[in-house]
Amino acid sequence: MATNISMRFFVTGRVQGVWFRASTQEKAEALGVTGWVRNLPDGRVEVLATGDFDKVANLHAWLEKGPELAIVEEVLVEEAPFQKFDRFSIE
């Protein structure tokens, strides 16, 4: 039986204006992860991902690199209370 979790990621670097949110949505949908991604006023990107532990871990690994034009400096990770979403959206 799969264990579903929710994790929050804060991605720092050149991560706005480089298709980060759209690419994250595409990757999450391909993995079967739900949740959302949004830009923060301080230049970071925040991701809330829900799904099977392994799928969320795969998204985390992808966030460490991001899309081609991004320069990811750091990804902070924290557990989040489990939340259920119908899809992965851009906020």
N, C-alpha and C. Protein backbone atom coordinates (compact mmCIF):
# COMPACT_ATOMS: atom_id res chain seq x y z
N MET A 1 0.84 -1.19 0.00
CA MET A 1 0.00 0.00 0.00
C MET A 1 0.88 1.25 0.00
N ALA A 2 0.56 2.20 -0.86
CA ALA A 2 1.33 3.44 -0.97
C ALA A 2 1.06 4.34 0.23
N THR A 3 2.10 5.02 0.64
CA THR A 3 1.99 5.98 1.73
C THR A 3 1.95 7.37 1.13
N ASN A 4 0.84 8.07 1.27
CA ASN A 4 0.74 9.42 0.74
C ASN A 4 1.19 10.43 1.78
N ILE A 5 1.95 11.42 1.31
CA ILE A 5 2.49 12.46 2.16
C ILE A 5 2.29 13.82 1.50
N SER A 6 2.45 14.87 2.27
CA SER A 6 2.52 16.24 1.75
C SER A 6 3.83 16.84 2.22
N MET A 7 4.55 17.47 1.31
CA MET A 7 5.82 18.13 1.62
C MET A 7 5.80 19.52 1.01
N ARG A 8 6.44 20.45 1.71
CA ARG A 8 6.57 21.83 1.22
C ARG A 8 8.04 22.07 0.89
N PHE A 9 8.28 22.68 -0.27
CA PHE A 9 9.62 22.98 -0.74
C PHE A 9 9.74 24.48 -1.01
N PHE A 10 10.86 25.06 -0.60
CA PHE A 10 11.18 26.45 -0.89
C PHE A 10 12.45 26.46 -1.72
N VAL A 11 12.34 26.89 -2.98
CA VAL A 11 13.44 26.82 -3.92
C VAL A 11 14.03 28.21 -4.10
N THR A 12 15.35 28.32 -3.86
CA THR A 12 16.07 29.59 -3.94
C THR A 12 17.03 29.55 -5.12
N GLY A 13 17.23 30.71 -5.75
CA GLY A 13 18.15 30.84 -6.87
C GLY A 13 17.50 31.65 -7.97
N ARG A 14 17.95 31.43 -9.20
CA ARG A 14 17.29 32.07 -10.34
C ARG A 14 16.14 31.14 -10.73
N VAL A 15 15.00 31.35 -10.09
CA VAL A 15 13.88 30.42 -10.24
C VAL A 15 12.57 31.13 -10.62
N GLN A 16 12.63 32.42 -10.85
CA GLN A 16 11.45 33.13 -11.36
C GLN A 16 11.80 33.69 -12.73
N GLY A 17 10.84 33.62 -13.65
CA GLY A 17 11.06 34.11 -15.01
C GLY A 17 11.82 33.12 -15.88
N VAL A 18 11.88 31.86 -15.45
CA VAL A 18 12.62 30.84 -16.21
C VAL A 18 11.75 29.59 -16.43
N TRP A 19 10.43 29.77 -16.45
CA TRP A 19 9.47 28.68 -16.68
C TRP A 19 9.50 27.66 -15.55
N PHE A 20 9.90 28.06 -14.35
CA PHE A 20 10.01 27.12 -13.23
C PHE A 20 8.65 26.57 -12.83
N ARG A 21 7.66 27.45 -12.69
CA ARG A 21 6.34 26.97 -12.25
C ARG A 21 5.71 26.04 -13.27
N ALA A 22 5.73 26.42 -14.54
CA ALA A 22 5.13 25.58 -15.57
C ALA A 22 5.86 24.24 -15.69
N SER A 23 7.18 24.27 -15.60
CA SER A 23 7.97 23.04 -15.67
C SER A 23 7.71 22.15 -14.46
N THR A 24 7.54 22.76 -13.29
CA THR A 24 7.24 21.99 -12.09
C THR A 24 5.87 21.33 -12.22
N GLN A 25 4.91 22.07 -12.73
CA GLN A 25 3.58 21.51 -12.94
C GLN A 25 3.65 20.32 -13.90
N GLU A 26 4.38 20.47 -14.98
CA GLU A 26 4.52 19.39 -15.97
C GLU A 26 5.16 18.15 -15.35
N LYS A 27 6.22 18.35 -14.57
CA LYS A 27 6.91 17.22 -13.93
C LYS A 27 6.00 16.55 -12.89
N ALA A 28 5.33 17.35 -12.08
CA ALA A 28 4.44 16.80 -11.06
C ALA A 28 3.32 15.98 -11.70
N GLU A 29 2.73 16.50 -12.76
CA GLU A 29 1.66 15.77 -13.44
C GLU A 29 2.18 14.46 -14.02
N ALA A 30 3.39 14.48 -14.58
CA ALA A 30 3.98 13.26 -15.14
C ALA A 30 4.21 12.21 -14.05
N LEU A 31 4.54 12.68 -12.84
CA LEU A 31 4.79 11.77 -11.71
C LEU A 31 3.50 11.33 -11.01
N GLY A 32 2.42 12.04 -11.26
CA GLY A 32 1.17 11.75 -10.55
C GLY A 32 1.10 12.40 -9.18
N VAL A 33 1.82 13.52 -9.02
CA VAL A 33 1.83 14.28 -7.77
C VAL A 33 0.83 15.43 -7.90
N THR A 34 0.08 15.70 -6.84
CA THR A 34 -0.85 16.83 -6.83
C THR A 34 -0.34 17.91 -5.88
N GLY A 35 -0.98 19.08 -5.94
CA GLY A 35 -0.58 20.20 -5.08
C GLY A 35 -0.55 21.48 -5.86
N TRP A 36 0.44 22.33 -5.57
CA TRP A 36 0.55 23.61 -6.26
C TRP A 36 1.97 24.15 -6.20
N VAL A 37 2.22 25.15 -7.05
CA VAL A 37 3.50 25.86 -7.08
C VAL A 37 3.18 27.35 -7.22
N ARG A 38 3.97 28.20 -6.55
CA ARG A 38 3.76 29.64 -6.68
C ARG A 38 5.06 30.40 -6.46
N ASN A 39 5.13 31.60 -7.06
CA ASN A 39 6.24 32.50 -6.81
C ASN A 39 6.01 33.21 -5.48
N LEU A 40 7.10 33.46 -4.77
CA LEU A 40 7.03 34.24 -3.53
C LEU A 40 7.62 35.63 -3.79
N PRO A 41 7.18 36.64 -3.04
CA PRO A 41 7.66 38.01 -3.24
C PRO A 41 9.18 38.15 -3.07
N ASP A 42 9.81 37.26 -2.31
CA ASP A 42 11.26 37.37 -2.06
C ASP A 42 12.10 36.71 -3.16
N GLY A 43 11.45 36.24 -4.24
CA GLY A 43 12.20 35.67 -5.35
C GLY A 43 12.28 34.15 -5.34
N ARG A 44 11.82 33.52 -4.26
CA ARG A 44 11.83 32.07 -4.20
C ARG A 44 10.56 31.51 -4.85
N VAL A 45 10.56 30.19 -5.05
CA VAL A 45 9.38 29.47 -5.50
C VAL A 45 9.00 28.51 -4.38
N GLU A 46 7.70 28.45 -4.08
CA GLU A 46 7.20 27.53 -3.06
C GLU A 46 6.39 26.43 -3.75
N VAL A 47 6.59 25.20 -3.32
CA VAL A 47 5.87 24.05 -3.87
C VAL A 47 5.26 23.27 -2.72
N LEU A 48 3.99 22.93 -2.84
CA LEU A 48 3.35 22.01 -1.92
C LEU A 48 2.97 20.79 -2.73
N ALA A 49 3.58 19.66 -2.41
CA ALA A 49 3.41 18.43 -3.20
C ALA A 49 2.81 17.33 -2.34
N THR A 50 1.81 16.65 -2.89
CA THR A 50 1.14 15.55 -2.21
C THR A 50 1.13 14.34 -3.13
N GLY A 51 1.44 13.20 -2.54
CA GLY A 51 1.40 11.96 -3.31
C GLY A 51 2.15 10.86 -2.60
N ASP A 52 2.37 9.79 -3.32
CA ASP A 52 3.16 8.67 -2.82
C ASP A 52 4.56 9.16 -2.46
N PHE A 53 5.11 8.66 -1.38
CA PHE A 53 6.42 9.11 -0.90
C PHE A 53 7.47 9.11 -2.01
N ASP A 54 7.55 8.01 -2.77
CA ASP A 54 8.57 7.91 -3.82
C ASP A 54 8.36 8.94 -4.92
N LYS A 55 7.11 9.21 -5.26
CA LYS A 55 6.83 10.19 -6.31
C LYS A 55 7.18 11.60 -5.85
N VAL A 56 6.86 11.93 -4.59
CA VAL A 56 7.22 13.24 -4.05
C VAL A 56 8.75 13.36 -3.95
N ALA A 57 9.42 12.27 -3.60
CA ALA A 57 10.89 12.27 -3.55
C ALA A 57 11.48 12.50 -4.94
N ASN A 58 10.86 11.93 -5.97
CA ASN A 58 11.32 12.16 -7.34
C ASN A 58 11.14 13.62 -7.74
N LEU A 59 10.01 14.22 -7.34
CA LEU A 59 9.82 15.64 -7.62
C LEU A 59 10.85 16.48 -6.89
N HIS A 60 11.15 16.13 -5.63
CA HIS A 60 12.19 16.84 -4.87
C HIS A 60 13.52 16.79 -5.61
N ALA A 61 13.90 15.61 -6.09
CA ALA A 61 15.17 15.48 -6.82
C ALA A 61 15.16 16.38 -8.06
N TRP A 62 14.03 16.45 -8.75
CA TRP A 62 13.93 17.31 -9.93
C TRP A 62 14.05 18.79 -9.53
N LEU A 63 13.43 19.18 -8.40
CA LEU A 63 13.48 20.57 -7.95
C LEU A 63 14.91 21.01 -7.65
N GLU A 64 15.77 20.09 -7.28
CA GLU A 64 17.17 20.42 -6.98
C GLU A 64 17.89 20.95 -8.23
N LYS A 65 17.40 20.60 -9.41
CA LYS A 65 17.99 21.07 -10.68
C LYS A 65 17.08 22.08 -11.36
N GLY A 66 15.78 21.77 -11.41
CA GLY A 66 14.82 22.66 -12.06
C GLY A 66 14.91 22.59 -13.57
N PRO A 67 14.18 23.47 -14.26
CA PRO A 67 14.23 23.51 -15.71
C PRO A 67 15.56 24.06 -16.21
N GLU A 68 15.76 23.94 -17.49
CA GLU A 68 17.04 24.27 -18.12
C GLU A 68 17.58 25.66 -17.78
N LEU A 69 16.73 26.69 -17.77
CA LEU A 69 17.20 28.07 -17.56
C LEU A 69 17.36 28.44 -16.09
N ALA A 70 16.89 27.59 -15.19
CA ALA A 70 16.97 27.89 -13.75
C ALA A 70 18.37 27.63 -13.21
N ILE A 71 18.69 28.35 -12.15
CA ILE A 71 19.91 28.09 -11.37
C ILE A 71 19.44 27.91 -9.92
N VAL A 72 19.31 26.65 -9.51
CA VAL A 72 18.83 26.35 -8.17
C VAL A 72 20.01 26.39 -7.20
N GLU A 73 19.90 27.24 -6.18
CA GLU A 73 20.95 27.36 -5.17
C GLU A 73 20.65 26.51 -3.94
N GLU A 74 19.36 26.40 -3.59
CA GLU A 74 19.01 25.67 -2.38
C GLU A 74 17.54 25.28 -2.44
N VAL A 75 17.24 24.11 -1.87
CA VAL A 75 15.85 23.67 -1.71
C VAL A 75 15.66 23.31 -0.24
N LEU A 76 14.86 24.11 0.46
CA LEU A 76 14.51 23.81 1.84
C LEU A 76 13.26 22.94 1.82
N VAL A 77 13.23 21.94 2.68
CA VAL A 77 12.13 20.98 2.70
C VAL A 77 11.54 20.93 4.10
N GLU A 78 10.22 20.89 4.17
CA GLU A 78 9.57 20.69 5.47
C GLU A 78 8.33 19.83 5.27
N GLU A 79 8.06 19.03 6.28
CA GLU A 79 6.84 18.23 6.24
C GLU A 79 5.65 19.17 6.36
N ALA A 80 4.57 18.80 5.70
CA ALA A 80 3.34 19.59 5.77
C ALA A 80 2.21 18.66 6.18
N PRO A 81 1.19 19.21 6.84
CA PRO A 81 0.02 18.38 7.14
C PRO A 81 -0.55 17.83 5.83
N PHE A 82 -0.96 16.58 5.85
CA PHE A 82 -1.47 15.96 4.63
C PHE A 82 -2.67 16.73 4.10
N GLN A 83 -2.63 17.03 2.82
CA GLN A 83 -3.73 17.70 2.14
C GLN A 83 -4.02 16.96 0.84
N LYS A 84 -5.28 16.86 0.49
CA LYS A 84 -5.66 16.18 -0.73
C LYS A 84 -6.01 17.22 -1.80
N PHE A 85 -5.48 17.03 -3.00
CA PHE A 85 -5.75 17.92 -4.12
C PHE A 85 -6.22 17.07 -5.31
N ASP A 86 -7.01 17.69 -6.18
CA ASP A 86 -7.48 16.99 -7.38
C ASP A 86 -6.44 17.01 -8.50
N ARG A 87 -5.55 18.02 -8.45
CA ARG A 87 -4.57 18.18 -9.53
C ARG A 87 -3.39 18.98 -9.01
N PHE A 88 -2.44 19.28 -9.90
CA PHE A 88 -1.31 20.13 -9.56
C PHE A 88 -1.50 21.45 -10.28
N SER A 89 -1.56 22.55 -9.54
CA SER A 89 -1.89 23.84 -10.15
C SER A 89 -0.79 24.87 -9.93
N ILE A 90 -0.84 25.91 -10.75
CA ILE A 90 0.02 27.08 -10.59
C ILE A 90 -0.81 28.14 -9.90
N GLU A 91 -0.34 28.59 -8.75
CA GLU A 91 -1.08 29.59 -7.97
C GLU A 91 -0.73 30.99 -8.43
